[in-house]
Full PDB file with SEQRES, HELIX, SHEET, SSBOND, CRYST1, ORIGX, SCALE, CONECT and MASTER records, all heavy atoms in Angstrom:
SEQRES   1 A   36  LEU VAL VAL GLY ASP ARG LEU ASP THR ASP VAL ALA LEU          
SEQRES   2 A   36  GLY GLU ARG ALA GLY MET THR THR ALA LEU VAL LEU THR          
SEQRES   3 A   36  GLY SER THR ASP ARG ALA SER LEU ALA ALA                      
HELIX    1 AA1 LEU A    7  VAL A   11  3                                   5    
HELIX    2 AA2 ALA A   12  ALA A   17  1                                   6    
HELIX    3 AA3 ARG A   31  ALA A   35  1                                   5    
SHEET    1 AA1 2 VAL A   2  GLY A   4  0                                        
SHEET    2 AA1 2 THR A  21  LEU A  23  1                                        
CRYST1    1.000    1.000    1.000  90.00  90.00  90.00 P 1           1          
ORIGX1      1.000000  0.000000  0.000000        0.00000                         
ORIGX2      0.000000  1.000000  0.000000        0.00000                         
ORIGX3      0.000000  0.000000  1.000000        0.00000                         
SCALE1      1.000000  0.000000  0.000000        0.00000                         
SCALE2      0.000000  1.000000  0.000000        0.00000                         
SCALE3      0.000000  0.000000  1.000000        0.00000                         
ATOM      1  N   LEU A   1     106.945  91.638  76.667  1.00  0.00           N  
ATOM      2  CA  LEU A   1     105.846  92.007  75.766  1.00  0.00           C  
ATOM      3  C   LEU A   1     106.096  93.391  75.250  1.00  0.00           C  
ATOM      4  O   LEU A   1     106.331  94.322  76.022  1.00  0.00           O  
ATOM      5  CB  LEU A   1     104.517  91.966  76.545  1.00  0.00           C  
ATOM      6  CG  LEU A   1     103.272  92.478  75.778  1.00  0.00           C  
ATOM      7  CD1 LEU A   1     102.934  91.526  74.623  1.00  0.00           C  
ATOM      8  CD2 LEU A   1     102.093  92.617  76.744  1.00  0.00           C  
ATOM      9  N   VAL A   2     106.078  93.567  73.921  1.00  0.00           N  
ATOM     10  CA  VAL A   2     106.220  94.867  73.285  1.00  0.00           C  
ATOM     11  C   VAL A   2     104.867  95.300  72.770  1.00  0.00           C  
ATOM     12  O   VAL A   2     104.196  94.561  72.037  1.00  0.00           O  
ATOM     13  CB  VAL A   2     107.211  94.800  72.103  1.00  0.00           C  
ATOM     14  CG1 VAL A   2     107.358  96.200  71.474  1.00  0.00           C  
ATOM     15  CG2 VAL A   2     108.570  94.285  72.562  1.00  0.00           C  
ATOM     16  N   VAL A   3     104.466  96.517  73.126  1.00  0.00           N  
ATOM     17  CA  VAL A   3     103.166  97.058  72.691  1.00  0.00           C  
ATOM     18  C   VAL A   3     103.404  98.366  71.945  1.00  0.00           C  
ATOM     19  O   VAL A   3     104.039  99.283  72.508  1.00  0.00           O  
ATOM     20  CB  VAL A   3     102.225  97.304  73.880  1.00  0.00           C  
ATOM     21  CG1 VAL A   3     100.857  97.777  73.404  1.00  0.00           C  
ATOM     22  CG2 VAL A   3     102.088  96.034  74.747  1.00  0.00           C  
ATOM     23  N   GLY A   4     102.937  98.475  70.736  1.00  0.00           N  
ATOM     24  CA  GLY A   4     103.115  99.691  69.972  1.00  0.00           C  
ATOM     25  C   GLY A   4     102.200  99.761  68.767  1.00  0.00           C  
ATOM     26  O   GLY A   4     101.532  98.791  68.419  1.00  0.00           O  
ATOM     27  N   ASP A   5     102.203 100.912  68.097  1.00  0.00           N  
ATOM     28  CA  ASP A   5     101.271 101.158  66.992  1.00  0.00           C  
ATOM     29  C   ASP A   5     101.926 101.063  65.626  1.00  0.00           C  
ATOM     30  O   ASP A   5     101.238 101.173  64.609  1.00  0.00           O  
ATOM     31  CB  ASP A   5     100.614 102.539  67.135  1.00  0.00           C  
ATOM     32  CG  ASP A   5     101.578 103.671  66.895  1.00  0.00           C  
ATOM     33  OD1 ASP A   5     102.624 103.713  67.564  1.00  0.00           O  
ATOM     34  OD2 ASP A   5     101.306 104.505  66.005  1.00  0.00           O  
ATOM     35  N   ARG A   6     103.272 100.867  65.585  1.00  0.00           N  
ATOM     36  CA  ARG A   6     103.938 100.823  64.277  1.00  0.00           C  
ATOM     37  C   ARG A   6     104.529  99.447  64.027  1.00  0.00           C  
ATOM     38  O   ARG A   6     105.267  98.907  64.877  1.00  0.00           O  
ATOM     39  CB  ARG A   6     105.026 101.875  64.208  1.00  0.00           C  
ATOM     40  CG  ARG A   6     104.504 103.302  64.248  1.00  0.00           C  
ATOM     41  CD  ARG A   6     105.618 104.309  64.012  1.00  0.00           C  
ATOM     42  NE  ARG A   6     106.094 104.258  62.650  1.00  0.00           N  
ATOM     43  CZ  ARG A   6     106.263 105.358  61.891  1.00  0.00           C  
ATOM     44  NH1 ARG A   6     105.987 106.565  62.373  1.00  0.00           N  
ATOM     45  NH2 ARG A   6     106.713 105.265  60.664  1.00  0.00           N  
ATOM     46  N   LEU A   7     104.242  98.924  62.863  1.00  0.00           N  
ATOM     47  CA  LEU A   7     104.771  97.613  62.500  1.00  0.00           C  
ATOM     48  C   LEU A   7     106.274  97.663  62.268  1.00  0.00           C  
ATOM     49  O   LEU A   7     107.019  96.761  62.701  1.00  0.00           O  
ATOM     50  CB  LEU A   7     104.082  97.112  61.222  1.00  0.00           C  
ATOM     51  CG  LEU A   7     102.608  96.722  61.363  1.00  0.00           C  
ATOM     52  CD1 LEU A   7     101.980  96.620  59.982  1.00  0.00           C  
ATOM     53  CD2 LEU A   7     102.468  95.413  62.116  1.00  0.00           C  
ATOM     54  N   ASP A   8     106.760  98.712  61.589  1.00  0.00           N  
ATOM     55  CA  ASP A   8     108.149  98.766  61.170  1.00  0.00           C  
ATOM     56  C   ASP A   8     109.120  99.159  62.270  1.00  0.00           C  
ATOM     57  O   ASP A   8     110.346  99.030  62.098  1.00  0.00           O  
ATOM     58  CB  ASP A   8     108.308  99.692  59.968  1.00  0.00           C  
ATOM     59  CG  ASP A   8     107.848 101.121  60.247  1.00  0.00           C  
ATOM     60  OD1 ASP A   8     107.182 101.328  61.269  1.00  0.00           O  
ATOM     61  OD2 ASP A   8     108.161 102.008  59.425  1.00  0.00           O  
ATOM     62  N   THR A   9     108.626  99.609  63.396  1.00  0.00           N  
ATOM     63  CA  THR A   9     109.507  99.955  64.496  1.00  0.00           C  
ATOM     64  C   THR A   9     109.189  99.136  65.753  1.00  0.00           C  
ATOM     65  O   THR A   9     109.984  98.330  66.213  1.00  0.00           O  
ATOM     66  CB  THR A   9     109.446 101.464  64.823  1.00  0.00           C  
ATOM     67  OG1 THR A   9     108.111 101.851  65.100  1.00  0.00           O  
ATOM     68  CG2 THR A   9     109.985 102.260  63.661  1.00  0.00           C  
ATOM     69  N   ASP A  10     107.972  99.295  66.289  1.00  0.00           N  
ATOM     70  CA  ASP A  10     107.629  98.614  67.540  1.00  0.00           C  
ATOM     71  C   ASP A  10     107.573  97.096  67.379  1.00  0.00           C  
ATOM     72  O   ASP A  10     108.205  96.358  68.105  1.00  0.00           O  
ATOM     73  CB  ASP A  10     106.281  99.136  68.038  1.00  0.00           C  
ATOM     74  CG  ASP A  10     106.258 100.629  68.225  1.00  0.00           C  
ATOM     75  OD1 ASP A  10     107.187 101.142  68.851  1.00  0.00           O  
ATOM     76  OD2 ASP A  10     105.326 101.301  67.746  1.00  0.00           O  
ATOM     77  N   VAL A  11     106.767  96.651  66.421  1.00  0.00           N  
ATOM     78  CA  VAL A  11     106.606  95.201  66.216  1.00  0.00           C  
ATOM     79  C   VAL A  11     107.909  94.615  65.681  1.00  0.00           C  
ATOM     80  O   VAL A  11     108.319  93.532  66.113  1.00  0.00           O  
ATOM     81  CB  VAL A  11     105.409  94.917  65.282  1.00  0.00           C  
ATOM     82  CG1 VAL A  11     105.332  93.412  64.960  1.00  0.00           C  
ATOM     83  CG2 VAL A  11     104.107  95.387  65.925  1.00  0.00           C  
ATOM     84  N   ALA A  12     108.557  95.294  64.761  1.00  0.00           N  
ATOM     85  CA  ALA A  12     109.836  94.774  64.222  1.00  0.00           C  
ATOM     86  C   ALA A  12     110.885  94.639  65.312  1.00  0.00           C  
ATOM     87  O   ALA A  12     111.667  93.688  65.312  1.00  0.00           O  
ATOM     88  CB  ALA A  12     110.332  95.655  63.083  1.00  0.00           C  
ATOM     89  N   LEU A  13     110.917  95.599  66.236  1.00  0.00           N  
ATOM     90  CA  LEU A  13     111.857  95.512  67.356  1.00  0.00           C  
ATOM     91  C   LEU A  13     111.663  94.208  68.131  1.00  0.00           C  
ATOM     92  O   LEU A  13     112.614  93.459  68.353  1.00  0.00           O  
ATOM     93  CB  LEU A  13     111.641  96.695  68.306  1.00  0.00           C  
ATOM     94  CG  LEU A  13     112.467  96.660  69.596  1.00  0.00           C  
ATOM     95  CD1 LEU A  13     113.831  97.258  69.359  1.00  0.00           C  
ATOM     96  CD2 LEU A  13     111.741  97.411  70.729  1.00  0.00           C  
ATOM     97  N   GLY A  14     110.416  93.934  68.514  1.00  0.00           N  
ATOM     98  CA  GLY A  14     110.151  92.729  69.265  1.00  0.00           C  
ATOM     99  C   GLY A  14     110.352  91.463  68.480  1.00  0.00           C  
ATOM    100  O   GLY A  14     110.904  90.468  68.972  1.00  0.00           O  
ATOM    101  N   GLU A  15     109.957  91.485  67.222  1.00  0.00           N  
ATOM    102  CA  GLU A  15     110.089  90.303  66.370  1.00  0.00           C  
ATOM    103  C   GLU A  15     111.555  89.916  66.209  1.00  0.00           C  
ATOM    104  O   GLU A  15     111.906  88.732  66.314  1.00  0.00           O  
ATOM    105  CB  GLU A  15     109.452  90.607  65.026  1.00  0.00           C  
ATOM    106  CG  GLU A  15     109.467  89.457  64.025  1.00  0.00           C  
ATOM    107  CD  GLU A  15     108.770  89.839  62.733  1.00  0.00           C  
ATOM    108  OE1 GLU A  15     109.416  90.521  61.896  1.00  0.00           O  
ATOM    109  OE2 GLU A  15     107.595  89.497  62.559  1.00  0.00           O  
ATOM    110  N   ARG A  16     112.409  90.899  65.971  1.00  0.00           N  
ATOM    111  CA  ARG A  16     113.827  90.607  65.759  1.00  0.00           C  
ATOM    112  C   ARG A  16     114.520  90.118  67.022  1.00  0.00           C  
ATOM    113  O   ARG A  16     115.464  89.335  66.954  1.00  0.00           O  
ATOM    114  CB  ARG A  16     114.537  91.868  65.262  1.00  0.00           C  
ATOM    115  CG  ARG A  16     114.086  92.322  63.874  1.00  0.00           C  
ATOM    116  CD  ARG A  16     114.791  93.606  63.485  1.00  0.00           C  
ATOM    117  NE  ARG A  16     114.295  94.150  62.215  1.00  0.00           N  
ATOM    118  CZ  ARG A  16     114.776  95.243  61.647  1.00  0.00           C  
ATOM    119  NH1 ARG A  16     115.740  95.937  62.239  1.00  0.00           N  
ATOM    120  NH2 ARG A  16     114.297  95.660  60.500  1.00  0.00           N  
ATOM    121  N   ALA A  17     114.059  90.600  68.159  1.00  0.00           N  
ATOM    122  CA  ALA A  17     114.717  90.272  69.432  1.00  0.00           C  
ATOM    123  C   ALA A  17     114.090  89.051  70.145  1.00  0.00           C  
ATOM    124  O   ALA A  17     114.575  88.648  71.188  1.00  0.00           O  
ATOM    125  CB  ALA A  17     114.661  91.469  70.365  1.00  0.00           C  
ATOM    126  N   GLY A  18     113.075  88.471  69.563  1.00  0.00           N  
ATOM    127  CA  GLY A  18     112.448  87.302  70.166  1.00  0.00           C  
ATOM    128  C   GLY A  18     111.473  87.616  71.281  1.00  0.00           C  
ATOM    129  O   GLY A  18     111.220  86.771  72.173  1.00  0.00           O  
ATOM    130  N   MET A  19     110.907  88.808  71.262  1.00  0.00           N  
ATOM    131  CA  MET A  19     109.893  89.208  72.242  1.00  0.00           C  
ATOM    132  C   MET A  19     108.498  88.910  71.697  1.00  0.00           C  
ATOM    133  O   MET A  19     108.309  88.689  70.500  1.00  0.00           O  
ATOM    134  CB  MET A  19     110.010  90.690  72.554  1.00  0.00           C  
ATOM    135  CG  MET A  19     111.397  91.171  72.962  1.00  0.00           C  
ATOM    136  SD  MET A  19     111.453  92.974  73.091  1.00  0.00           S  
ATOM    137  CE  MET A  19     113.224  93.253  73.198  1.00  0.00           C  
ATOM    138  N   THR A  20     107.499  88.923  72.561  1.00  0.00           N  
ATOM    139  CA  THR A  20     106.113  88.839  72.136  1.00  0.00           C  
ATOM    140  C   THR A  20     105.652  90.233  71.749  1.00  0.00           C  
ATOM    141  O   THR A  20     105.939  91.199  72.434  1.00  0.00           O  
ATOM    142  CB  THR A  20     105.242  88.281  73.276  1.00  0.00           C  
ATOM    143  OG1 THR A  20     105.703  86.980  73.625  1.00  0.00           O  
ATOM    144  CG2 THR A  20     103.774  88.180  72.822  1.00  0.00           C  
ATOM    145  N   THR A  21     104.926  90.325  70.638  1.00  0.00           N  
ATOM    146  CA  THR A  21     104.525  91.628  70.135  1.00  0.00           C  
ATOM    147  C   THR A  21     103.025  91.801  70.088  1.00  0.00           C  
ATOM    148  O   THR A  21     102.281  90.872  69.765  1.00  0.00           O  
ATOM    149  CB  THR A  21     105.073  91.855  68.710  1.00  0.00           C  
ATOM    150  OG1 THR A  21     104.592  90.814  67.834  1.00  0.00           O  
ATOM    151  CG2 THR A  21     106.607  91.800  68.713  1.00  0.00           C  
ATOM    152  N   ALA A  22     102.568  93.011  70.418  1.00  0.00           N  
ATOM    153  CA  ALA A  22     101.153  93.350  70.364  1.00  0.00           C  
ATOM    154  C   ALA A  22     101.021  94.693  69.635  1.00  0.00           C  
ATOM    155  O   ALA A  22     101.567  95.700  70.080  1.00  0.00           O  
ATOM    156  CB  ALA A  22     100.555  93.461  71.753  1.00  0.00           C  
ATOM    157  N   LEU A  23     100.312  94.686  68.514  1.00  0.00           N  
ATOM    158  CA  LEU A  23     100.034  95.904  67.770  1.00  0.00           C  
ATOM    159  C   LEU A  23      98.729  96.519  68.253  1.00  0.00           C  
ATOM    160  O   LEU A  23      97.715  95.808  68.378  1.00  0.00           O  
ATOM    161  CB  LEU A  23      99.917  95.576  66.282  1.00  0.00           C  
ATOM    162  CG  LEU A  23      99.537  96.764  65.373  1.00  0.00           C  
ATOM    163  CD1 LEU A  23     100.720  97.697  65.190  1.00  0.00           C  
ATOM    164  CD2 LEU A  23      99.012  96.251  64.025  1.00  0.00           C  
ATOM    165  N   VAL A  24      98.736  97.831  68.501  1.00  0.00           N  
ATOM    166  CA  VAL A  24      97.514  98.530  68.819  1.00  0.00           C  
ATOM    167  C   VAL A  24      97.076  99.352  67.612  1.00  0.00           C  
ATOM    168  O   VAL A  24      97.912  99.878  66.862  1.00  0.00           O  
ATOM    169  CB  VAL A  24      97.671  99.433  70.074  1.00  0.00           C  
ATOM    170  CG1 VAL A  24      97.895  98.583  71.309  1.00  0.00           C  
ATOM    171  CG2 VAL A  24      98.775 100.450  69.879  1.00  0.00           C  
ATOM    172  N   LEU A  25      95.761  99.488  67.420  1.00  0.00           N  
ATOM    173  CA  LEU A  25      95.217 100.156  66.226  1.00  0.00           C  
ATOM    174  C   LEU A  25      94.787 101.575  66.533  1.00  0.00           C  
ATOM    175  O   LEU A  25      93.828 102.074  65.934  1.00  0.00           O  
ATOM    176  CB  LEU A  25      94.025  99.317  65.705  1.00  0.00           C  
ATOM    177  CG  LEU A  25      94.363  97.882  65.324  1.00  0.00           C  
ATOM    178  CD1 LEU A  25      93.102  97.138  64.923  1.00  0.00           C  
ATOM    179  CD2 LEU A  25      95.399  97.831  64.187  1.00  0.00           C  
ATOM    180  N   THR A  26      95.531 102.220  67.408  1.00  0.00           N  
ATOM    181  CA  THR A  26      95.176 103.600  67.793  1.00  0.00           C  
ATOM    182  C   THR A  26      96.136 104.639  67.232  1.00  0.00           C  
ATOM    183  O   THR A  26      96.047 105.802  67.581  1.00  0.00           O  
ATOM    184  CB  THR A  26      95.170 103.716  69.348  1.00  0.00           C  
ATOM    185  OG1 THR A  26      96.411 103.195  69.844  1.00  0.00           O  
ATOM    186  CG2 THR A  26      94.001 102.965  69.934  1.00  0.00           C  
ATOM    187  N   GLY A  27      97.053 104.188  66.377  1.00  0.00           N  
ATOM    188  CA  GLY A  27      98.069 105.121  65.862  1.00  0.00           C  
ATOM    189  C   GLY A  27      98.270 105.007  64.380  1.00  0.00           C  
ATOM    190  O   GLY A  27      97.338 105.206  63.593  1.00  0.00           O  
ATOM    191  N   SER A  28      99.474 104.601  63.964  1.00  0.00           N  
ATOM    192  CA  SER A  28      99.854 104.665  62.563  1.00  0.00           C  
ATOM    193  C   SER A  28      99.359 103.489  61.722  1.00  0.00           C  
ATOM    194  O   SER A  28      99.422 103.584  60.486  1.00  0.00           O  
ATOM    195  CB  SER A  28     101.398 104.689  62.470  1.00  0.00           C  
ATOM    196  OG  SER A  28     101.920 105.866  63.095  1.00  0.00           O  
ATOM    197  N   THR A  29      98.924 102.419  62.353  1.00  0.00           N  
ATOM    198  CA  THR A  29      98.590 101.217  61.598  1.00  0.00           C  
ATOM    199  C   THR A  29      97.096 100.881  61.709  1.00  0.00           C  
ATOM    200  O   THR A  29      96.561 100.846  62.821  1.00  0.00           O  
ATOM    201  CB  THR A  29      99.413 100.020  62.101  1.00  0.00           C  
ATOM    202  OG1 THR A  29     100.810 100.348  62.105  1.00  0.00           O  
ATOM    203  CG2 THR A  29      99.183  98.795  61.233  1.00  0.00           C  
ATOM    204  N   ASP A  30      96.457 100.648  60.571  1.00  0.00           N  
ATOM    205  CA  ASP A  30      95.070 100.165  60.577  1.00  0.00           C  
ATOM    206  C   ASP A  30      95.052  98.723  60.046  1.00  0.00           C  
ATOM    207  O   ASP A  30      96.097  98.182  59.656  1.00  0.00           O  
ATOM    208  CB  ASP A  30      94.169 101.094  59.764  1.00  0.00           C  
ATOM    209  CG  ASP A  30      94.629 101.262  58.312  1.00  0.00           C  
ATOM    210  OD1 ASP A  30      95.385 100.398  57.815  1.00  0.00           O  
ATOM    211  OD2 ASP A  30      94.216 102.255  57.676  1.00  0.00           O  
ATOM    212  N   ARG A  31      93.874  98.150  60.010  1.00  0.00           N  
ATOM    213  CA  ARG A  31      93.800  96.751  59.599  1.00  0.00           C  
ATOM    214  C   ARG A  31      94.175  96.537  58.136  1.00  0.00           C  
ATOM    215  O   ARG A  31      94.719  95.505  57.775  1.00  0.00           O  
ATOM    216  CB  ARG A  31      92.396  96.211  59.875  1.00  0.00           C  
ATOM    217  CG  ARG A  31      92.115  96.093  61.393  1.00  0.00           C  
ATOM    218  CD  ARG A  31      90.900  95.244  61.712  1.00  0.00           C  
ATOM    219  NE  ARG A  31      90.665  95.182  63.134  1.00  0.00           N  
ATOM    220  CZ  ARG A  31      91.254  94.307  63.967  1.00  0.00           C  
ATOM    221  NH1 ARG A  31      92.103  93.423  63.466  1.00  0.00           N  
ATOM    222  NH2 ARG A  31      90.971  94.306  65.248  1.00  0.00           N  
ATOM    223  N   ALA A  32      93.948  97.524  57.280  1.00  0.00           N  
ATOM    224  CA  ALA A  32      94.318  97.397  55.858  1.00  0.00           C  
ATOM    225  C   ALA A  32      95.825  97.357  55.697  1.00  0.00           C  
ATOM    226  O   ALA A  32      96.371  96.516  54.969  1.00  0.00           O  
ATOM    227  CB  ALA A  32      93.726  98.563  55.074  1.00  0.00           C  
ATOM    228  N   SER A  33      96.545  98.255  56.398  1.00  0.00           N  
ATOM    229  CA  SER A  33      97.995  98.251  56.272  1.00  0.00           C  
ATOM    230  C   SER A  33      98.595  97.026  56.973  1.00  0.00           C  
ATOM    231  O   SER A  33      99.641  96.511  56.550  1.00  0.00           O  
ATOM    232  CB  SER A  33      98.599  99.524  56.847  1.00  0.00           C  
ATOM    233  OG  SER A  33      98.132  99.773  58.162  1.00  0.00           O  
ATOM    234  N   LEU A  34      97.942  96.546  58.012  1.00  0.00           N  
ATOM    235  CA  LEU A  34      98.407  95.311  58.650  1.00  0.00           C  
ATOM    236  C   LEU A  34      98.285  94.130  57.685  1.00  0.00           C  
ATOM    237  O   LEU A  34      99.225  93.333  57.575  1.00  0.00           O  
ATOM    238  CB  LEU A  34      97.570  95.042  59.913  1.00  0.00           C  
ATOM    239  CG  LEU A  34      97.763  93.699  60.604  1.00  0.00           C  
ATOM    240  CD1 LEU A  34      99.189  93.516  61.069  1.00  0.00           C  
ATOM    241  CD2 LEU A  34      96.798  93.558  61.796  1.00  0.00           C  
ATOM    242  N   ALA A  35      97.168  94.045  56.986  1.00  0.00           N  
ATOM    243  CA  ALA A  35      96.974  92.937  56.050  1.00  0.00           C  
ATOM    244  C   ALA A  35      97.979  92.963  54.907  1.00  0.00           C  
ATOM    245  O   ALA A  35      98.355  91.907  54.364  1.00  0.00           O  
ATOM    246  CB  ALA A  35      95.554  92.987  55.486  1.00  0.00           C  
ATOM    247  N   ALA A  36      98.460  94.158  54.543  1.00  0.00           N  
ATOM    248  CA  ALA A  36      99.397  94.301  53.430  1.00  0.00           C  
ATOM    249  C   ALA A  36     100.850  94.129  53.849  1.00  0.00           C  
ATOM    250  O   ALA A  36     101.737  94.107  53.015  1.00  0.00           O  
ATOM    251  CB  ALA A  36      99.203  95.657  52.759  1.00  0.00           C  
TER     252      ALA A  36                                                      
MASTER        0    0    0    3    2    0    0    6  251    1    0    3          
END                                                                             
């Protein structure tokens, strides 16, 4: 399980490697940027 606040680094890391990803909304990403 990968947990992080950035889509382009934390979530992308897990997505590319076949891990489960969890985005937290306490840092660089809010729901508007997630939707986009």
